[in-house]
Amino acid sequence: MLYQLVARNRSFRRFHESHVVSRETLTELIELARLSASGANRQPLKYILSCDREKNERIFPTLAWAGYLKEWPGPVAGERPSAYIIILGDREISQNYFVDHGIASQSILLGAVEKGLGGCIIASIKRQELAEALQIPERYEILLVIALGKPKETVVIEQIGADGDVRYWRDEDGTHHVPKRPLRELILE
């Protein structure tokens, strides 16, 4: 079961924007993050939840969507996320977040997949613009944004070709292809 959740957890960048993701669902996903490991058990992460159109419209322009898809500016209206979770580090608890936000993000996305949703972890953020748009106090460092919704695209895993190129790409039908290294290349003896 866990294998299937991980295998289905892809970086989705296009969504059925009209599909509602409730605040209750977002709260349930944060509960998974809350139960996840935290370096030195400091638990410095805080979260901003967004599942209403007006707030989502303030978040969207502060994000970059797909570095390898140079011609694609991001999802168009109707294909944008219907929810976001902004992960913050509370500087008053810790100045070092270790890998807490990565662990929390994975827990959130696995929970989303279990609920029939998908998401994308975004680190390319116009942080100052987002902080101003949402009036985030300076005590909080913006670490990541997770875009969430019902996926509107197909993402498939490919084996990396002989050229070793790791860049993801889209075919003429809009299917998103993600090259992965074979397992035999990852384990060193």
N, C-alpha and C. Protein backbone atom coordinates (compact mmCIF):
# COMPACT_ATOMS: atom_id res chain seq x y z
N MET A 1 0.81 -1.19 0.00
CA MET A 1 0.00 0.00 0.00
C MET A 1 0.86 1.26 0.00
N LEU A 2 1.89 1.32 0.85
CA LEU A 2 2.75 2.49 0.88
C LEU A 2 3.46 2.66 -0.46
N TYR A 3 3.90 1.54 -1.04
CA TYR A 3 4.55 1.61 -2.35
C TYR A 3 3.63 2.28 -3.37
N GLN A 4 2.37 1.90 -3.37
CA GLN A 4 1.42 2.49 -4.32
C GLN A 4 1.22 3.98 -4.08
N LEU A 5 1.13 4.40 -2.83
CA LEU A 5 0.99 5.83 -2.52
C LEU A 5 2.21 6.62 -3.02
N VAL A 6 3.40 6.10 -2.75
CA VAL A 6 4.62 6.78 -3.19
C VAL A 6 4.68 6.82 -4.71
N ALA A 7 4.36 5.72 -5.37
CA ALA A 7 4.41 5.67 -6.83
C ALA A 7 3.39 6.61 -7.48
N ARG A 8 2.24 6.80 -6.84
CA ARG A 8 1.21 7.70 -7.39
C ARG A 8 1.46 9.16 -7.02
N ASN A 9 2.35 9.40 -6.08
CA ASN A 9 2.66 10.77 -5.63
C ASN A 9 3.63 11.41 -6.61
N ARG A 10 3.14 12.13 -7.56
CA ARG A 10 3.94 12.82 -8.56
C ARG A 10 3.82 14.32 -8.34
N SER A 11 4.63 15.10 -9.01
CA SER A 11 4.50 16.56 -8.96
C SER A 11 3.49 16.98 -10.03
N PHE A 12 2.25 17.16 -9.61
CA PHE A 12 1.19 17.59 -10.51
C PHE A 12 1.19 19.11 -10.57
N ARG A 13 1.05 19.65 -11.78
CA ARG A 13 1.08 21.10 -11.97
C ARG A 13 -0.18 21.65 -12.64
N ARG A 14 -1.09 20.77 -13.01
CA ARG A 14 -2.37 21.19 -13.58
C ARG A 14 -3.48 20.46 -12.84
N PHE A 15 -4.53 21.21 -12.50
CA PHE A 15 -5.59 20.68 -11.64
C PHE A 15 -6.96 21.04 -12.18
N HIS A 16 -7.97 20.33 -11.69
CA HIS A 16 -9.36 20.72 -11.92
C HIS A 16 -9.65 21.79 -10.88
N GLU A 17 -9.49 23.04 -11.27
CA GLU A 17 -9.58 24.15 -10.32
C GLU A 17 -10.94 24.23 -9.64
N SER A 18 -11.97 23.75 -10.32
CA SER A 18 -13.32 23.82 -9.74
C SER A 18 -13.55 22.76 -8.65
N HIS A 19 -12.66 21.77 -8.55
CA HIS A 19 -12.79 20.75 -7.52
C HIS A 19 -12.42 21.35 -6.17
N VAL A 20 -13.34 21.35 -5.25
CA VAL A 20 -13.14 21.98 -3.94
C VAL A 20 -12.30 21.08 -3.04
N VAL A 21 -11.29 21.67 -2.44
CA VAL A 21 -10.53 21.03 -1.37
C VAL A 21 -10.91 21.80 -0.11
N SER A 22 -11.51 21.12 0.83
CA SER A 22 -12.04 21.80 2.02
C SER A 22 -10.94 22.13 3.02
N ARG A 23 -11.24 23.07 3.88
CA ARG A 23 -10.33 23.40 4.98
C ARG A 23 -10.15 22.18 5.89
N GLU A 24 -11.21 21.42 6.06
CA GLU A 24 -11.13 20.20 6.87
C GLU A 24 -10.09 19.24 6.29
N THR A 25 -10.09 19.07 4.98
CA THR A 25 -9.10 18.21 4.33
C THR A 25 -7.69 18.74 4.56
N LEU A 26 -7.52 20.05 4.40
CA LEU A 26 -6.19 20.65 4.63
C LEU A 26 -5.75 20.44 6.07
N THR A 27 -6.67 20.58 7.00
CA THR A 27 -6.35 20.38 8.41
C THR A 27 -5.94 18.93 8.67
N GLU A 28 -6.62 17.98 8.03
CA GLU A 28 -6.25 16.57 8.17
C GLU A 28 -4.84 16.32 7.64
N LEU A 29 -4.47 17.01 6.56
CA LEU A 29 -3.12 16.86 6.01
C LEU A 29 -2.07 17.45 6.95
N ILE A 30 -2.40 18.56 7.60
CA ILE A 30 -1.48 19.14 8.58
C ILE A 30 -1.32 18.21 9.78
N GLU A 31 -2.36 17.49 10.14
CA GLU A 31 -2.25 16.52 11.23
C GLU A 31 -1.19 15.48 10.90
N LEU A 32 -1.11 15.05 9.63
CA LEU A 32 -0.06 14.11 9.23
C LEU A 32 1.32 14.74 9.38
N ALA A 33 1.44 16.00 8.99
CA ALA A 33 2.72 16.70 9.13
C ALA A 33 3.08 16.85 10.61
N ARG A 34 2.10 17.15 11.43
CA ARG A 34 2.33 17.32 12.87
C ARG A 34 2.89 16.06 13.50
N LEU A 35 2.45 14.90 13.04
CA LEU A 35 2.88 13.63 13.59
C LEU A 35 4.23 13.16 13.03
N SER A 36 4.74 13.86 12.04
CA SER A 36 5.99 13.48 11.39
C SER A 36 7.20 13.86 12.24
N ALA A 37 8.33 13.27 11.90
CA ALA A 37 9.57 13.54 12.62
C ALA A 37 9.98 15.00 12.51
N SER A 38 10.69 15.48 13.55
CA SER A 38 11.19 16.85 13.58
C SER A 38 12.58 16.82 14.22
N GLY A 39 13.55 17.48 13.59
CA GLY A 39 14.90 17.53 14.13
C GLY A 39 14.92 18.06 15.55
N ALA A 40 15.55 17.32 16.45
CA ALA A 40 15.63 17.64 17.88
C ALA A 40 14.24 17.82 18.50
N ASN A 41 13.22 17.35 17.81
CA ASN A 41 11.82 17.45 18.22
C ASN A 41 11.41 18.89 18.55
N ARG A 42 12.02 19.85 17.85
CA ARG A 42 11.71 21.26 18.11
C ARG A 42 10.34 21.66 17.55
N GLN A 43 9.92 21.02 16.47
CA GLN A 43 8.61 21.28 15.87
C GLN A 43 8.43 22.77 15.53
N PRO A 44 9.33 23.34 14.71
CA PRO A 44 9.28 24.76 14.41
C PRO A 44 8.38 25.15 13.23
N LEU A 45 7.73 24.18 12.62
CA LEU A 45 6.94 24.49 11.43
C LEU A 45 5.56 25.00 11.78
N LYS A 46 5.11 25.96 10.99
CA LYS A 46 3.75 26.49 11.07
C LYS A 46 3.20 26.47 9.64
N TYR A 47 1.89 26.58 9.51
CA TYR A 47 1.25 26.41 8.20
C TYR A 47 0.18 27.47 7.98
N ILE A 48 0.12 27.97 6.76
CA ILE A 48 -0.98 28.81 6.32
C ILE A 48 -1.78 27.98 5.33
N LEU A 49 -3.07 27.87 5.54
CA LEU A 49 -3.95 27.09 4.67
C LEU A 49 -4.75 28.03 3.79
N SER A 50 -4.93 27.64 2.55
CA SER A 50 -5.74 28.44 1.64
C SER A 50 -6.57 27.53 0.75
N CYS A 51 -7.88 27.73 0.81
CA CYS A 51 -8.77 26.97 -0.07
C CYS A 51 -9.91 27.86 -0.58
N ASP A 52 -9.70 29.18 -0.52
CA ASP A 52 -10.71 30.06 -1.10
C ASP A 52 -10.08 30.83 -2.27
N ARG A 53 -10.88 31.11 -3.25
CA ARG A 53 -10.41 31.67 -4.52
C ARG A 53 -9.62 32.97 -4.33
N GLU A 54 -10.13 33.87 -3.50
CA GLU A 54 -9.48 35.18 -3.35
C GLU A 54 -8.06 35.03 -2.78
N LYS A 55 -7.91 34.22 -1.77
CA LYS A 55 -6.58 34.01 -1.17
C LYS A 55 -5.68 33.26 -2.15
N ASN A 56 -6.23 32.26 -2.84
CA ASN A 56 -5.45 31.52 -3.83
C ASN A 56 -4.92 32.45 -4.92
N GLU A 57 -5.73 33.43 -5.32
CA GLU A 57 -5.31 34.37 -6.36
C GLU A 57 -4.19 35.28 -5.89
N ARG A 58 -4.05 35.49 -4.60
CA ARG A 58 -2.93 36.26 -4.07
C ARG A 58 -1.66 35.41 -4.02
N ILE A 59 -1.81 34.11 -3.82
CA ILE A 59 -0.65 33.21 -3.72
C ILE A 59 -0.09 32.88 -5.10
N PHE A 60 -0.96 32.56 -6.05
CA PHE A 60 -0.54 32.05 -7.35
C PHE A 60 0.57 32.85 -8.04
N PRO A 61 0.47 34.18 -8.16
CA PRO A 61 1.50 34.91 -8.91
C PRO A 61 2.87 34.96 -8.23
N THR A 62 2.97 34.47 -7.01
CA THR A 62 4.25 34.49 -6.31
C THR A 62 5.05 33.20 -6.52
N LEU A 63 4.53 32.30 -7.35
CA LEU A 63 5.13 30.98 -7.53
C LEU A 63 5.66 30.78 -8.94
N ALA A 64 6.76 30.04 -9.06
CA ALA A 64 7.27 29.58 -10.36
C ALA A 64 6.96 28.09 -10.46
N TRP A 65 6.66 27.61 -11.66
CA TRP A 65 6.01 26.31 -11.78
C TRP A 65 6.82 25.15 -12.32
N ALA A 66 7.70 25.33 -13.27
CA ALA A 66 8.38 24.17 -13.86
C ALA A 66 9.64 24.63 -14.57
N GLY A 67 10.76 24.55 -13.87
CA GLY A 67 12.02 25.07 -14.40
C GLY A 67 12.43 24.48 -15.74
N TYR A 68 12.14 23.22 -15.98
CA TYR A 68 12.55 22.60 -17.23
C TYR A 68 11.59 22.90 -18.39
N LEU A 69 10.41 23.37 -18.10
CA LEU A 69 9.43 23.69 -19.15
C LEU A 69 9.49 25.20 -19.40
N LYS A 70 10.54 25.64 -20.06
CA LYS A 70 10.84 27.07 -20.23
C LYS A 70 9.72 27.84 -20.93
N GLU A 71 9.00 27.20 -21.83
CA GLU A 71 7.94 27.88 -22.60
C GLU A 71 6.61 27.92 -21.85
N TRP A 72 6.53 27.25 -20.71
CA TRP A 72 5.26 27.12 -19.99
C TRP A 72 5.25 28.03 -18.77
N PRO A 73 4.38 29.03 -18.73
CA PRO A 73 4.38 29.97 -17.60
C PRO A 73 3.66 29.45 -16.34
N GLY A 74 3.06 28.30 -16.43
CA GLY A 74 2.32 27.75 -15.30
C GLY A 74 0.89 27.46 -15.70
N PRO A 75 0.12 26.92 -14.79
CA PRO A 75 -1.25 26.53 -15.13
C PRO A 75 -2.13 27.75 -15.47
N VAL A 76 -2.97 27.55 -16.46
CA VAL A 76 -3.90 28.61 -16.88
C VAL A 76 -5.13 28.59 -15.98
N ALA A 77 -5.91 29.65 -16.05
CA ALA A 77 -7.16 29.71 -15.29
C ALA A 77 -7.98 28.46 -15.60
N GLY A 78 -8.54 27.85 -14.57
CA GLY A 78 -9.29 26.61 -14.71
C GLY A 78 -8.44 25.38 -14.43
N GLU A 79 -7.10 25.55 -14.47
CA GLU A 79 -6.17 24.45 -14.20
C GLU A 79 -5.26 24.75 -13.02
N ARG A 80 -5.58 25.79 -12.28
CA ARG A 80 -4.75 26.18 -11.14
C ARG A 80 -5.16 25.38 -9.90
N PRO A 81 -4.29 25.34 -8.91
CA PRO A 81 -4.62 24.61 -7.68
C PRO A 81 -5.86 25.18 -7.01
N SER A 82 -6.61 24.32 -6.37
CA SER A 82 -7.78 24.79 -5.62
C SER A 82 -7.44 24.98 -4.15
N ALA A 83 -6.18 24.66 -3.77
CA ALA A 83 -5.75 24.86 -2.38
C ALA A 83 -4.23 24.96 -2.33
N TYR A 84 -3.77 25.59 -1.26
CA TYR A 84 -2.34 25.69 -0.99
C TYR A 84 -2.10 25.47 0.49
N ILE A 85 -0.92 24.94 0.79
CA ILE A 85 -0.40 24.92 2.15
C ILE A 85 0.96 25.60 2.09
N ILE A 86 1.10 26.67 2.85
CA ILE A 86 2.38 27.37 2.92
C ILE A 86 3.06 26.91 4.20
N ILE A 87 4.29 26.41 4.04
CA ILE A 87 5.04 25.91 5.19
C ILE A 87 6.02 26.99 5.62
N LEU A 88 5.93 27.33 6.90
CA LEU A 88 6.74 28.39 7.49
C LEU A 88 7.63 27.82 8.59
N GLY A 89 8.79 28.43 8.77
CA GLY A 89 9.63 28.13 9.90
C GLY A 89 9.49 29.24 10.92
N ASP A 90 9.21 28.87 12.15
CA ASP A 90 9.05 29.85 13.23
C ASP A 90 10.43 30.14 13.81
N ARG A 91 10.97 31.31 13.48
CA ARG A 91 12.32 31.70 13.92
C ARG A 91 12.42 31.84 15.44
N GLU A 92 11.31 32.00 16.12
CA GLU A 92 11.36 32.11 17.58
C GLU A 92 11.51 30.74 18.25
N ILE A 93 11.25 29.69 17.49
CA ILE A 93 11.45 28.33 18.01
C ILE A 93 12.83 27.83 17.63
N SER A 94 13.23 28.08 16.37
CA SER A 94 14.52 27.59 15.89
C SER A 94 14.96 28.40 14.67
N GLN A 95 16.26 28.50 14.49
CA GLN A 95 16.82 29.11 13.28
C GLN A 95 17.24 28.03 12.28
N ASN A 96 17.16 26.78 12.68
CA ASN A 96 17.55 25.67 11.83
C ASN A 96 16.39 24.69 11.74
N TYR A 97 15.85 24.56 10.55
CA TYR A 97 14.67 23.70 10.36
C TYR A 97 15.05 22.30 9.90
N PHE A 98 16.37 22.04 9.84
CA PHE A 98 16.88 20.75 9.41
C PHE A 98 16.19 20.35 8.11
N VAL A 99 15.58 19.20 8.08
CA VAL A 99 14.84 18.76 6.89
C VAL A 99 13.36 18.61 7.22
N ASP A 100 12.95 19.25 8.30
CA ASP A 100 11.56 19.11 8.76
C ASP A 100 10.55 19.41 7.66
N HIS A 101 10.77 20.47 6.89
CA HIS A 101 9.78 20.84 5.88
C HIS A 101 9.71 19.83 4.74
N GLY A 102 10.81 19.13 4.45
CA GLY A 102 10.77 18.07 3.45
C GLY A 102 9.99 16.86 3.95
N ILE A 103 10.23 16.50 5.19
CA ILE A 103 9.50 15.38 5.80
C ILE A 103 8.01 15.70 5.86
N ALA A 104 7.68 16.90 6.34
CA ALA A 104 6.28 17.31 6.45
C ALA A 104 5.61 17.33 5.08
N SER A 105 6.32 17.83 4.07
CA SER A 105 5.76 17.90 2.72
C SER A 105 5.42 16.52 2.18
N GLN A 106 6.33 15.58 2.38
CA GLN A 106 6.07 14.22 1.90
C GLN A 106 4.86 13.62 2.62
N SER A 107 4.76 13.83 3.92
CA SER A 107 3.60 13.32 4.66
C SER A 107 2.30 13.94 4.13
N ILE A 108 2.32 15.25 3.89
CA ILE A 108 1.15 15.94 3.36
C ILE A 108 0.77 15.38 2.00
N LEU A 109 1.74 15.22 1.12
CA LEU A 109 1.43 14.75 -0.24
C LEU A 109 0.97 13.29 -0.26
N LEU A 110 1.54 12.45 0.58
CA LEU A 110 1.05 11.06 0.65
C LEU A 110 -0.38 11.03 1.14
N GLY A 111 -0.71 11.87 2.11
CA GLY A 111 -2.09 11.98 2.58
C GLY A 111 -3.01 12.50 1.48
N ALA A 112 -2.53 13.45 0.70
CA ALA A 112 -3.33 13.98 -0.41
C ALA A 112 -3.62 12.90 -1.44
N VAL A 113 -2.61 12.11 -1.78
CA VAL A 113 -2.79 11.02 -2.75
C VAL A 113 -3.82 10.03 -2.23
N GLU A 114 -3.75 9.70 -0.95
CA GLU A 114 -4.70 8.78 -0.35
C GLU A 114 -6.13 9.31 -0.48
N LYS A 115 -6.29 10.63 -0.50
CA LYS A 115 -7.61 11.26 -0.62
C LYS A 115 -8.01 11.54 -2.08
N GLY A 116 -7.23 11.04 -3.04
CA GLY A 116 -7.55 11.24 -4.45
C GLY A 116 -7.11 12.60 -4.99
N LEU A 117 -6.24 13.27 -4.25
CA LEU A 117 -5.72 14.57 -4.67
C LEU A 117 -4.28 14.42 -5.13
N GLY A 118 -3.71 15.50 -5.59
CA GLY A 118 -2.31 15.53 -5.97
C GLY A 118 -1.76 16.90 -5.64
N GLY A 119 -0.46 17.03 -5.74
CA GLY A 119 0.13 18.32 -5.42
C GLY A 119 1.50 18.48 -5.99
N CYS A 120 2.07 19.63 -5.69
CA CYS A 120 3.42 19.95 -6.14
C CYS A 120 4.09 20.78 -5.06
N ILE A 121 5.27 20.36 -4.66
CA ILE A 121 6.07 21.13 -3.70
C ILE A 121 6.80 22.21 -4.49
N ILE A 122 6.62 23.45 -4.08
CA ILE A 122 7.23 24.57 -4.79
C ILE A 122 8.18 25.30 -3.85
N ALA A 123 9.44 25.40 -4.29
CA ALA A 123 10.45 26.14 -3.51
C ALA A 123 10.82 27.43 -4.22
N SER A 124 10.47 27.56 -5.50
CA SER A 124 10.75 28.77 -6.25
C SER A 124 9.61 29.76 -6.01
N ILE A 125 9.82 30.61 -5.01
CA ILE A 125 8.77 31.48 -4.49
C ILE A 125 9.30 32.91 -4.42
N LYS A 126 8.49 33.84 -4.81
CA LYS A 126 8.81 35.26 -4.56
C LYS A 126 8.41 35.53 -3.11
N ARG A 127 9.32 35.24 -2.21
CA ARG A 127 9.01 35.21 -0.78
C ARG A 127 8.54 36.55 -0.23
N GLN A 128 9.20 37.61 -0.63
CA GLN A 128 8.80 38.93 -0.11
C GLN A 128 7.40 39.29 -0.59
N GLU A 129 7.11 39.01 -1.87
CA GLU A 129 5.77 39.29 -2.41
C GLU A 129 4.70 38.47 -1.69
N LEU A 130 5.00 37.20 -1.45
CA LEU A 130 4.03 36.34 -0.76
C LEU A 130 3.82 36.82 0.68
N ALA A 131 4.90 37.17 1.35
CA ALA A 131 4.78 37.67 2.73
C ALA A 131 3.92 38.93 2.78
N GLU A 132 4.10 39.81 1.80
CA GLU A 132 3.29 41.03 1.76
C GLU A 132 1.84 40.72 1.40
N ALA A 133 1.64 39.83 0.44
CA ALA A 133 0.28 39.51 -0.01
C ALA A 133 -0.56 38.91 1.11
N LEU A 134 0.07 38.13 1.98
CA LEU A 134 -0.65 37.46 3.06
C LEU A 134 -0.37 38.07 4.44
N GLN A 135 0.40 39.13 4.45
CA GLN A 135 0.76 39.81 5.71
C GLN A 135 1.34 38.82 6.73
N ILE A 136 2.34 38.09 6.26
CA ILE A 136 3.01 37.10 7.12
C ILE A 136 4.04 37.84 7.99
N PRO A 137 3.94 37.73 9.30
CA PRO A 137 4.89 38.40 10.19
C PRO A 137 6.33 37.94 9.94
N GLU A 138 7.29 38.83 10.18
CA GLU A 138 8.70 38.55 9.91
C GLU A 138 9.26 37.41 10.75
N ARG A 139 8.62 37.07 11.82
CA ARG A 139 9.08 35.97 12.66
C ARG A 139 9.06 34.64 11.90
N TYR A 140 8.26 34.56 10.82
CA TYR A 140 8.11 33.32 10.06
C TYR A 140 8.87 33.38 8.75
N GLU A 141 9.67 32.36 8.49
CA GLU A 141 10.39 32.23 7.22
C GLU A 141 9.57 31.34 6.30
N ILE A 142 9.31 31.81 5.08
CA ILE A 142 8.59 31.01 4.10
C ILE A 142 9.56 29.96 3.56
N LEU A 143 9.23 28.69 3.77
CA LEU A 143 10.10 27.59 3.36
C LEU A 143 9.64 26.96 2.05
N LEU A 144 8.39 26.57 1.98
CA LEU A 144 7.83 25.89 0.81
C LEU A 144 6.36 26.24 0.67
N VAL A 145 5.86 26.06 -0.56
CA VAL A 145 4.42 26.11 -0.80
C VAL A 145 4.03 24.80 -1.46
N ILE A 146 2.98 24.19 -0.96
CA ILE A 146 2.44 22.98 -1.59
C ILE A 146 1.14 23.36 -2.29
N ALA A 147 1.12 23.19 -3.60
CA ALA A 147 -0.09 23.40 -4.39
C ALA A 147 -0.87 22.09 -4.39
N LEU A 148 -2.18 22.17 -4.19
CA LEU A 148 -3.00 20.97 -4.07
C LEU A 148 -4.27 21.07 -4.90
N GLY A 149 -4.76 19.93 -5.33
CA GLY A 149 -6.03 19.86 -6.04
C GLY A 149 -6.23 18.49 -6.65
N LYS A 150 -7.28 18.38 -7.42
CA LYS A 150 -7.55 17.14 -8.16
C LYS A 150 -6.76 17.22 -9.46
N PRO A 151 -5.80 16.31 -9.69
CA PRO A 151 -4.95 16.41 -10.87
C PRO A 151 -5.73 16.38 -12.18
N LYS A 152 -5.27 17.22 -13.11
CA LYS A 152 -5.87 17.29 -14.44
C LYS A 152 -4.85 16.87 -15.50
N GLU A 153 -3.83 16.20 -15.08
CA GLU A 153 -2.82 15.76 -16.02
C GLU A 153 -2.34 14.36 -15.65
N THR A 154 -1.74 13.72 -16.62
CA THR A 154 -1.14 12.41 -16.40
C THR A 154 0.36 12.61 -16.28
N VAL A 155 0.94 12.02 -15.24
CA VAL A 155 2.38 12.06 -15.03
C VAL A 155 2.88 10.62 -15.04
N VAL A 156 3.85 10.34 -15.90
CA VAL A 156 4.39 8.98 -16.00
C VAL A 156 5.89 8.99 -15.70
N ILE A 157 6.34 7.92 -15.11
CA ILE A 157 7.76 7.75 -14.80
C ILE A 157 8.41 7.01 -15.97
N GLU A 158 9.52 7.54 -16.41
CA GLU A 158 10.31 6.93 -17.49
C GLU A 158 11.67 6.55 -16.92
N GLN A 159 12.32 5.58 -17.52
CA GLN A 159 13.71 5.32 -17.14
C GLN A 159 14.58 6.33 -17.86
N ILE A 160 15.60 6.84 -17.18
CA ILE A 160 16.52 7.80 -17.79
C ILE A 160 17.16 7.15 -19.01
N GLY A 161 17.27 7.93 -20.07
CA GLY A 161 17.87 7.43 -21.30
C GLY A 161 19.39 7.34 -21.20
N ALA A 162 20.00 6.87 -22.27
CA ALA A 162 21.45 6.68 -22.31
C ALA A 162 22.20 8.00 -22.14
N ASP A 163 21.55 9.11 -22.48
CA ASP A 163 22.21 10.41 -22.34
C ASP A 163 22.25 10.92 -20.90
N GLY A 164 21.53 10.25 -19.98
CA GLY A 164 21.54 10.63 -18.58
C GLY A 164 20.73 11.87 -18.24
N ASP A 165 19.91 12.33 -19.19
CA ASP A 165 19.14 13.56 -19.00
C ASP A 165 18.03 13.35 -17.96
N VAL A 166 18.01 14.18 -16.92
CA VAL A 166 17.02 14.06 -15.85
C VAL A 166 15.85 15.03 -16.03
N ARG A 167 15.88 15.85 -17.07
CA ARG A 167 14.83 16.86 -17.25
C ARG A 167 13.49 16.22 -17.61
N TYR A 168 12.44 16.65 -16.89
CA TYR A 168 11.09 16.21 -17.22
C TYR A 168 10.61 16.96 -18.44
N TRP A 169 9.59 16.43 -19.10
CA TRP A 169 9.09 17.02 -20.34
C TRP A 169 7.65 16.64 -20.57
N ARG A 170 7.00 17.33 -21.49
CA ARG A 170 5.62 17.03 -21.88
C ARG A 170 5.59 16.65 -23.34
N ASP A 171 4.78 15.63 -23.64
CA ASP A 171 4.62 15.26 -25.04
C ASP A 171 3.50 16.07 -25.67
N GLU A 172 3.22 15.80 -26.94
CA GLU A 172 2.22 16.58 -27.68
C GLU A 172 0.81 16.42 -27.12
N ASP A 173 0.55 15.36 -26.36
CA ASP A 173 -0.76 15.16 -25.73
C ASP A 173 -0.84 15.77 -24.34
N GLY A 174 0.25 16.38 -23.88
CA GLY A 174 0.26 17.01 -22.57
C GLY A 174 0.63 16.07 -21.43
N THR A 175 0.99 14.83 -21.75
CA THR A 175 1.42 13.90 -20.70
C THR A 175 2.79 14.34 -20.20
N HIS A 176 2.93 14.39 -18.91
CA HIS A 176 4.17 14.84 -18.26
C HIS A 176 5.04 13.62 -18.00
N HIS A 177 6.27 13.62 -18.52
CA HIS A 177 7.19 12.49 -18.40
C HIS A 177 8.32 12.86 -17.44
N VAL A 178 8.59 11.97 -16.48
CA VAL A 178 9.62 12.22 -15.47
C VAL A 178 10.64 11.08 -15.51
N PRO A 179 11.87 11.36 -15.97
CA PRO A 179 12.90 10.32 -15.99
C PRO A 179 13.42 10.03 -14.59
N LYS A 180 13.57 8.76 -14.27
CA LYS A 180 14.12 8.32 -12.98
C LYS A 180 15.29 7.38 -13.23
N ARG A 181 16.29 7.51 -12.39
CA ARG A 181 17.45 6.61 -12.47
C ARG A 181 17.01 5.20 -12.06
N PRO A 182 17.59 4.17 -12.66
CA PRO A 182 17.24 2.81 -12.27
C PRO A 182 17.80 2.49 -10.88
N LEU A 183 17.13 1.62 -10.17
CA LEU A 183 17.50 1.24 -8.81
C LEU A 183 18.94 0.74 -8.73
N ARG A 184 19.39 0.00 -9.72
CA ARG A 184 20.75 -0.56 -9.70
C ARG A 184 21.82 0.53 -9.66
N GLU A 185 21.50 1.74 -10.10
CA GLU A 185 22.47 2.84 -10.06
C GLU A 185 22.50 3.56 -8.71
N LEU A 186 21.54 3.29 -7.87
CA LEU A 186 21.43 4.03 -6.61
C LEU A 186 22.10 3.36 -5.43
N ILE A 187 22.19 2.06 -5.47
CA ILE A 187 22.72 1.31 -4.33
C ILE A 187 24.20 1.00 -4.59
N LEU A 188 25.05 1.51 -3.73
CA LEU A 188 26.49 1.28 -3.87
C LEU A 188 26.91 0.11 -2.99
N GLU A 189 27.80 -0.67 -3.50
CA GLU A 189 28.31 -1.83 -2.73
C GLU A 189 29.61 -1.47 -2.05
